[in-house]
Protein backbone atom coordinates (compact mmCIF):
# COMPACT_ATOMS: atom_id res chain seq x y z
CA MET A 1 0.04 0.03 0.29
CA ARG A 2 0.78 3.62 -0.37
CA VAL A 3 0.75 4.58 3.50
CA LEU A 4 0.58 8.11 5.03
CA VAL A 5 2.13 8.13 8.60
CA THR A 6 1.46 11.36 10.37
CA GLY A 7 3.69 12.01 13.09
CA GLY A 8 6.04 9.42 11.54
CA ALA A 9 9.25 11.21 12.82
CA GLY A 10 8.24 10.62 16.61
CA TYR A 11 9.13 7.67 18.80
CA ILE A 12 6.27 5.21 17.90
CA GLY A 13 5.72 6.56 14.49
CA SER A 14 9.20 5.96 13.46
CA HIS A 15 9.32 2.53 14.45
CA VAL A 16 6.02 1.86 12.45
CA ALA A 17 7.31 3.76 9.49
CA LEU A 18 10.50 1.73 9.37
CA GLN A 19 8.52 -1.73 9.83
CA LEU A 20 5.99 -0.58 7.17
CA GLY A 21 8.95 0.13 4.79
CA GLU A 22 10.68 -3.16 5.68
CA ALA A 23 7.35 -4.90 4.83
CA GLY A 24 7.24 -3.43 1.34
CA HIS A 25 4.99 -0.58 1.81
CA ASP A 26 5.42 2.78 0.07
CA VAL A 27 5.81 5.16 3.17
CA VAL A 28 5.21 9.02 3.37
CA VAL A 29 5.94 10.30 6.63
CA TYR A 30 4.15 13.84 7.41
CA ASP A 31 5.80 15.52 10.49
CA ASN A 32 6.02 19.13 11.54
CA LEU A 33 9.26 17.91 13.59
CA SER A 34 7.88 19.88 16.67
CA ALA A 35 8.67 16.76 18.68
CA GLY A 36 9.87 14.09 15.93
CA HIS A 37 13.31 14.15 14.38
CA ARG A 38 14.58 13.79 10.75
CA TRP A 39 17.18 11.38 11.56
CA ALA A 40 14.39 8.95 13.04
CA VAL A 41 12.87 8.57 9.41
CA LEU A 42 14.68 5.47 8.42
CA ALA A 43 11.91 4.20 5.67
CA GLY A 44 10.00 6.40 3.02
CA GLU A 45 9.90 9.90 2.32
CA LEU A 46 9.85 12.81 4.84
CA VAL A 47 7.19 15.53 4.24
CA GLU A 48 7.59 18.58 6.65
CA GLY A 49 4.33 19.99 7.38
CA ASP A 50 1.48 20.31 10.20
CA VAL A 51 -1.91 18.31 10.07
CA ALA A 52 -3.50 21.72 11.17
CA ASP A 53 -2.51 23.10 7.79
CA ALA A 54 -5.64 21.90 5.67
CA PRO A 55 -4.50 23.44 2.28
CA ALA A 56 -0.99 21.39 2.76
CA LEU A 57 -2.86 18.46 3.58
CA ALA A 58 -5.16 18.74 0.59
CA ARG A 59 -1.97 19.06 -1.83
CA LEU A 60 -0.30 16.03 0.01
CA PHE A 61 -3.29 13.80 -0.67
CA GLU A 62 -3.55 14.94 -4.13
CA ARG A 63 0.01 14.37 -4.79
CA HIS A 64 0.05 10.79 -3.21
CA ARG A 65 -3.11 9.22 -3.69
CA PHE A 66 -2.68 7.20 -0.52
CA ASP A 67 -4.55 3.68 0.24
CA ALA A 68 -4.22 4.13 3.89
CA VAL A 69 -3.45 6.41 6.76
CA VAL A 70 -1.61 5.70 10.19
CA HIS A 71 -2.29 8.60 12.45
CA PHE A 72 0.06 9.43 15.37
CA ALA A 73 0.74 13.20 15.18
CA ALA A 74 -0.58 13.97 18.92
CA HIS A 75 0.44 15.56 22.30
CA LEU A 76 0.78 12.88 24.80
CA ASP A 77 1.82 14.16 28.39
CA VAL A 78 -0.84 13.44 30.92
CA ALA A 79 0.24 15.90 33.32
CA GLU A 80 0.28 18.64 30.59
CA SER A 81 -3.02 17.80 29.55
CA VAL A 82 -4.55 18.66 32.90
CA ALA A 83 -2.67 21.94 33.10
CA ASP A 84 -3.36 22.92 29.38
CA PRO A 85 -6.38 20.88 28.11
CA LEU A 86 -7.17 23.02 25.25
CA LYS A 87 -3.83 22.59 23.55
CA TYR A 88 -4.77 18.78 23.64
CA TYR A 89 -8.40 19.14 22.23
CA GLY A 90 -6.63 21.50 19.56
CA ASN A 91 -4.07 18.98 18.46
CA ASN A 92 -5.19 15.61 19.32
CA THR A 93 -9.03 16.29 18.36
CA ARG A 94 -9.38 19.33 16.24
CA ASN A 95 -6.37 18.19 13.88
CA THR A 96 -7.81 14.58 13.65
CA LEU A 97 -11.05 16.06 12.40
CA GLY A 98 -9.22 17.77 9.81
CA LEU A 99 -7.50 14.58 8.69
CA LEU A 100 -10.56 12.74 8.64
CA GLN A 101 -11.92 15.43 6.36
CA ALA A 102 -8.86 15.12 4.14
CA CYS A 103 -9.49 11.37 4.11
CA ALA A 104 -12.84 11.68 3.17
CA ARG A 105 -12.39 13.90 0.50
CA ALA A 106 -9.44 11.84 -1.23
CA GLY A 107 -11.56 8.64 -0.90
CA VAL A 108 -8.99 6.94 1.32
CA ASP A 109 -10.77 3.96 3.07
CA ARG A 110 -8.30 2.38 5.48
CA PHE A 111 -7.23 4.37 8.85
CA VAL A 112 -5.20 3.08 11.63
CA PHE A 113 -5.54 5.22 14.61
CA SER A 114 -3.09 5.60 17.55
CA SER A 115 -5.04 5.66 20.76
CA THR A 116 -4.50 5.11 24.46
CA ALA A 117 -5.47 3.28 27.52
CA ALA A 118 -5.95 6.64 29.16
CA VAL A 119 -9.56 6.60 27.39
CA TYR A 120 -10.53 4.12 30.19
CA GLY A 121 -9.80 6.41 33.05
CA ILE A 122 -9.87 4.48 36.34
CA PRO A 123 -11.29 1.10 35.16
CA SER A 124 -13.67 -0.98 37.10
CA SER A 125 -11.70 -4.09 36.50
CA SER A 126 -8.46 -5.41 35.55
CA PRO A 127 -7.18 -6.58 32.96
CA ILE A 128 -9.21 -4.07 30.85
CA ALA A 129 -11.16 -5.30 27.96
CA GLU A 130 -12.08 -2.98 24.97
CA SER A 131 -15.71 -3.01 26.19
CA GLU A 132 -14.81 -1.22 29.39
CA PRO A 133 -16.82 2.19 29.60
CA LEU A 134 -14.73 5.10 28.44
CA ASN A 135 -14.36 7.43 31.41
CA PRO A 136 -11.03 9.20 30.81
CA ILE A 137 -9.83 11.47 33.88
CA ASN A 138 -7.55 13.90 32.09
CA ALA A 139 -7.69 15.76 28.80
CA TYR A 140 -5.17 13.64 26.96
CA GLY A 141 -7.46 10.54 27.23
CA ALA A 142 -10.64 12.65 26.54
CA SER A 143 -8.94 14.07 23.27
CA LYS A 144 -8.26 10.65 22.15
CA MET A 145 -11.79 9.28 23.14
CA MET A 146 -13.24 12.07 21.10
CA SER A 147 -11.25 11.37 18.12
CA GLU A 148 -12.17 7.66 18.19
CA ARG A 149 -15.89 8.53 18.24
CA MET A 150 -15.32 10.65 15.32
CA LEU A 151 -13.70 7.96 13.43
CA MET A 152 -16.32 5.47 14.05
CA ASP A 153 -19.24 7.86 13.22
CA LEU A 154 -17.28 8.66 9.90
CA ALA A 155 -16.96 4.97 9.25
CA ALA A 156 -20.73 4.39 9.97
CA SER A 157 -21.57 6.77 7.02
CA SER A 158 -18.90 6.08 4.45
CA PRO A 159 -16.74 3.38 3.10
CA LEU A 160 -13.86 4.08 5.68
CA ARG A 161 -12.79 1.09 7.62
CA TYR A 162 -10.27 1.55 10.77
CA VAL A 163 -8.35 -0.12 13.51
CA VAL A 164 -8.12 1.70 16.61
CA LEU A 165 -5.10 0.75 18.68
CA ARG A 166 -5.34 1.60 22.40
CA TYR A 167 -1.72 1.73 23.66
CA PHE A 168 -0.77 0.80 27.04
CA ASN A 169 3.00 1.84 27.96
CA ALA A 170 5.22 2.05 24.99
CA CYS A 171 8.87 1.67 26.02
CA GLY A 172 12.17 0.23 24.76
CA ALA A 173 14.05 0.91 21.64
CA GLU A 174 14.47 -0.77 18.25
CA SER A 175 16.58 -3.83 18.99
CA GLN A 176 19.27 -2.85 16.32
CA GLY A 177 19.83 0.56 18.26
CA ARG A 178 18.87 2.59 15.27
CA ILE A 179 15.95 4.49 16.93
CA GLY A 180 14.38 4.84 20.33
CA GLU A 181 12.95 7.40 22.66
CA ALA A 182 14.29 11.14 22.18
CA HIS A 183 11.48 13.40 23.72
CA HIS A 184 12.47 16.87 24.64
CA PRO A 185 11.55 17.22 27.56
CA GLU A 186 11.29 13.27 28.32
CA THR A 187 8.55 12.24 30.62
CA HIS A 188 8.39 8.60 30.29
CA LEU A 189 9.49 6.54 33.29
CA ILE A 190 11.88 3.87 31.75
CA PRO A 191 14.22 6.38 29.84
CA LEU A 192 13.95 8.84 32.88
CA ILE A 193 15.00 5.83 35.26
CA LEU A 194 17.96 5.15 32.94
CA ARG A 195 19.21 8.73 33.00
CA ALA A 196 19.26 8.69 36.57
CA ALA A 197 21.22 5.37 36.64
CA LEU A 198 23.64 6.91 33.85
CA GLY A 199 24.17 10.14 35.75
CA LYS A 200 22.34 12.55 33.24
CA ARG A 201 19.72 13.42 35.96
CA PRO A 202 20.17 13.62 39.85
CA SER A 203 17.45 11.12 40.71
CA ILE A 204 14.24 9.58 39.97
CA THR A 205 11.21 10.46 41.81
CA ILE A 206 8.16 8.03 42.46
CA TYR A 207 5.01 9.95 42.27
CA GLY A 208 3.02 8.37 45.05
CA THR A 209 3.47 5.22 47.19
CA ASP A 210 -0.02 4.87 48.57
CA TYR A 211 -1.97 3.47 45.36
CA PRO A 212 -4.00 0.27 46.05
CA THR A 213 -1.53 -1.89 44.40
CA ALA A 214 0.91 -4.71 45.84
CA ASP A 215 3.65 -2.08 46.70
CA GLY A 216 1.76 1.03 46.59
CA THR A 217 3.29 2.38 43.39
CA CYS A 218 1.56 2.74 39.90
CA VAL A 219 1.38 -0.45 37.77
CA ARG A 220 1.16 -0.34 33.89
CA ASP A 221 1.46 -2.55 31.29
CA TYR A 222 4.60 -1.93 29.46
CA ILE A 223 4.74 -3.02 25.62
CA HIS A 224 8.23 -3.03 23.70
CA VAL A 225 7.88 -0.49 21.02
CA GLU A 226 8.74 -3.04 18.19
CA ASP A 227 5.99 -5.25 19.30
CA LEU A 228 3.77 -2.01 19.24
CA ALA A 229 5.11 -1.18 15.74
CA HIS A 230 4.28 -4.64 14.43
CA ALA A 231 0.61 -4.41 15.57
CA HIS A 232 0.37 -1.69 13.25
CA VAL A 233 1.72 -3.45 10.42
CA GLU A 234 -0.65 -6.39 11.12
CA ALA A 235 -3.75 -3.79 11.34
CA LEU A 236 -2.76 -2.51 7.74
CA ARG A 237 -2.82 -6.15 6.51
CA TYR A 238 -6.22 -6.85 8.21
CA LEU A 239 -7.69 -3.82 6.53
CA GLY A 240 -6.22 -4.58 3.33
CA GLU A 241 -7.67 -8.01 3.53
CA GLY A 242 -11.10 -6.25 3.88
CA GLY A 243 -11.33 -6.71 7.69
CA ALA A 244 -14.13 -4.95 9.36
CA SER A 245 -13.53 -1.73 11.77
CA LYS A 246 -11.99 -3.02 15.16
CA VAL A 247 -10.77 -1.48 18.39
CA LEU A 248 -7.84 -3.35 20.00
CA ASN A 249 -5.71 -3.06 23.05
CA CYS A 250 -1.94 -3.06 22.60
CA GLY A 251 -0.26 -4.44 25.72
CA TYR A 252 1.04 -7.71 27.02
CA GLY A 253 -1.59 -8.66 29.59
CA HIS A 254 0.29 -8.11 32.61
CA GLY A 255 2.07 -4.96 34.36
CA TYR A 256 4.82 -4.16 36.65
CA SER A 257 4.76 -1.34 39.33
CA VAL A 258 6.80 1.65 39.23
CA GLN A 259 9.24 0.31 41.94
CA GLN A 260 9.70 -3.07 40.13
CA VAL A 261 10.79 -1.07 37.04
CA ILE A 262 13.25 0.84 39.14
CA ASP A 263 14.60 -2.41 40.66
CA THR A 264 15.00 -3.94 37.11
CA VAL A 265 16.97 -0.82 35.77
CA LYS A 266 19.27 -1.52 38.85
CA ALA A 267 19.71 -5.15 38.05
CA VAL A 268 20.11 -4.98 34.40
CA SER A 269 22.38 -1.82 34.38
CA GLY A 270 24.45 -2.68 37.42
CA LEU A 271 24.06 0.75 38.72
CA ASP A 272 22.58 2.50 41.61
CA PHE A 273 20.95 6.02 41.92
CA PRO A 274 18.90 8.11 44.31
CA VAL A 275 15.16 7.50 44.39
CA GLU A 276 13.02 10.26 45.94
CA ILE A 277 9.25 9.89 47.02
CA GLY A 278 6.82 12.75 45.76
CA ASP A 279 3.08 13.32 46.10
CA ARG A 280 0.67 11.63 43.56
CA ARG A 281 0.46 13.29 40.08
CA PRO A 282 -2.99 14.36 39.20
CA GLY A 283 -4.67 12.04 36.41
CA ASP A 284 -2.78 9.01 37.33
CA PRO A 285 -4.78 5.89 37.46
CA PRO A 286 -3.57 3.33 39.92
CA GLU A 287 -3.28 0.39 37.60
CA LEU A 288 -3.52 -0.02 33.61
CA VAL A 289 -3.38 -3.47 32.41
CA ALA A 290 -4.51 -4.62 28.93
CA ASP A 291 -6.87 -7.75 28.39
CA ILE A 292 -5.11 -8.52 24.78
CA SER A 293 -7.29 -11.59 23.81
CA ARG A 294 -8.96 -9.67 21.11
CA ILE A 295 -5.76 -8.61 19.30
CA SER A 296 -4.20 -12.12 19.93
CA GLU A 297 -7.36 -13.86 18.27
CA LEU A 298 -7.79 -11.48 15.34
CA PHE A 299 -4.09 -10.93 14.42
CA GLY A 300 -2.62 -14.21 15.83
CA TRP A 301 -0.40 -11.45 17.41
CA GLN A 302 2.68 -13.03 19.08
CA PRO A 303 4.95 -10.54 20.86
CA ARG A 304 8.55 -10.88 20.58
CA PHE A 305 9.89 -8.90 23.35
CA ASP A 306 7.61 -9.62 26.45
CA ASP A 307 10.36 -9.59 28.71
CA LEU A 308 10.99 -6.19 31.17
CA GLU A 309 14.84 -7.20 31.27
CA VAL A 310 14.98 -7.18 27.62
CA ILE A 311 13.04 -3.90 27.25
CA VAL A 312 15.32 -2.17 29.73
CA ALA A 313 18.46 -3.55 28.22
CA HIS A 314 17.46 -2.23 24.53
CA ALA A 315 16.44 1.22 25.98
CA LEU A 316 19.68 1.30 27.98
CA GLN A 317 21.78 0.60 25.01
CA TRP A 318 19.83 3.39 23.11
CA GLU A 319 20.14 5.78 26.17
CA LYS A 320 24.00 5.02 26.17
CA ASN A 321 24.28 6.10 22.68
CA GLN A 322 21.72 8.81 22.43
CA ILE A 323 21.38 10.54 18.95
CA LYS A 324 21.46 14.34 19.51
CA GLU A 325 19.23 16.49 17.28
CA PRO A 326 21.31 18.52 14.91
CA THR A 327 21.53 22.22 15.77
């Protein structure tokens, strides 16, 4: 297929673009480089542009005649979304609307959407099935939930078919070490812990030790970014074979606490570092673990890197050899 990957110079998008290219797809990455990096685009053509720019989008769709779209291009910091919600509704929701309008005008009928477990809010049970009621507790989750609904309503009134992938906690780096996490600023747990271990920051802070979990720290389902990227390749294959629209969780079906991740980093790296205890952050659910039976059955999906030590080892190697954005 000829595939548009919006936000394909970012962390997850770049891994997906690479795997799509390796699978033989014709990839165009569209990114404004506000959070992505030129060096991260290792497959396809990079077109610099903003999803908010409707005329530029129209020209892009006219020029390339895409078969499918994979949409990342979103803000993703939960704490920031609580402090500045309109930024998230503007980029994550309004700009998705503009992209869907461009798809409808161009007749693109296959769409893979990067969503999040944050749409569930604080779930009533664990692991979380896709049928769990959506009740986001922060603007990040709400902005993604609104985009999901727009996509579903468009599909109900047009030939569009979609796969919504609700990510749990993406982590790790490409196993060959070519690309990995490079957020500015970095907010994700594993790279922050690794930077403390490597002396790039003075310490790591645990935000809350009084959650209703085994050790009192938040529990998350950590999924290696290469396994997550492979789910997107499978989603496009499924849609290409005529598959019906689906919503799928992407995780491993089990979780680790913040304290367990810290302990694993110490064990894998052989390094010690200061750990501080802070207050809870607004918008953080105690536990998010995926029920992955649906994606496993639909795609026959078999993760390759379901091992926290392997995830940490790949992320550690990347962090040691961090590529810096050219000035």
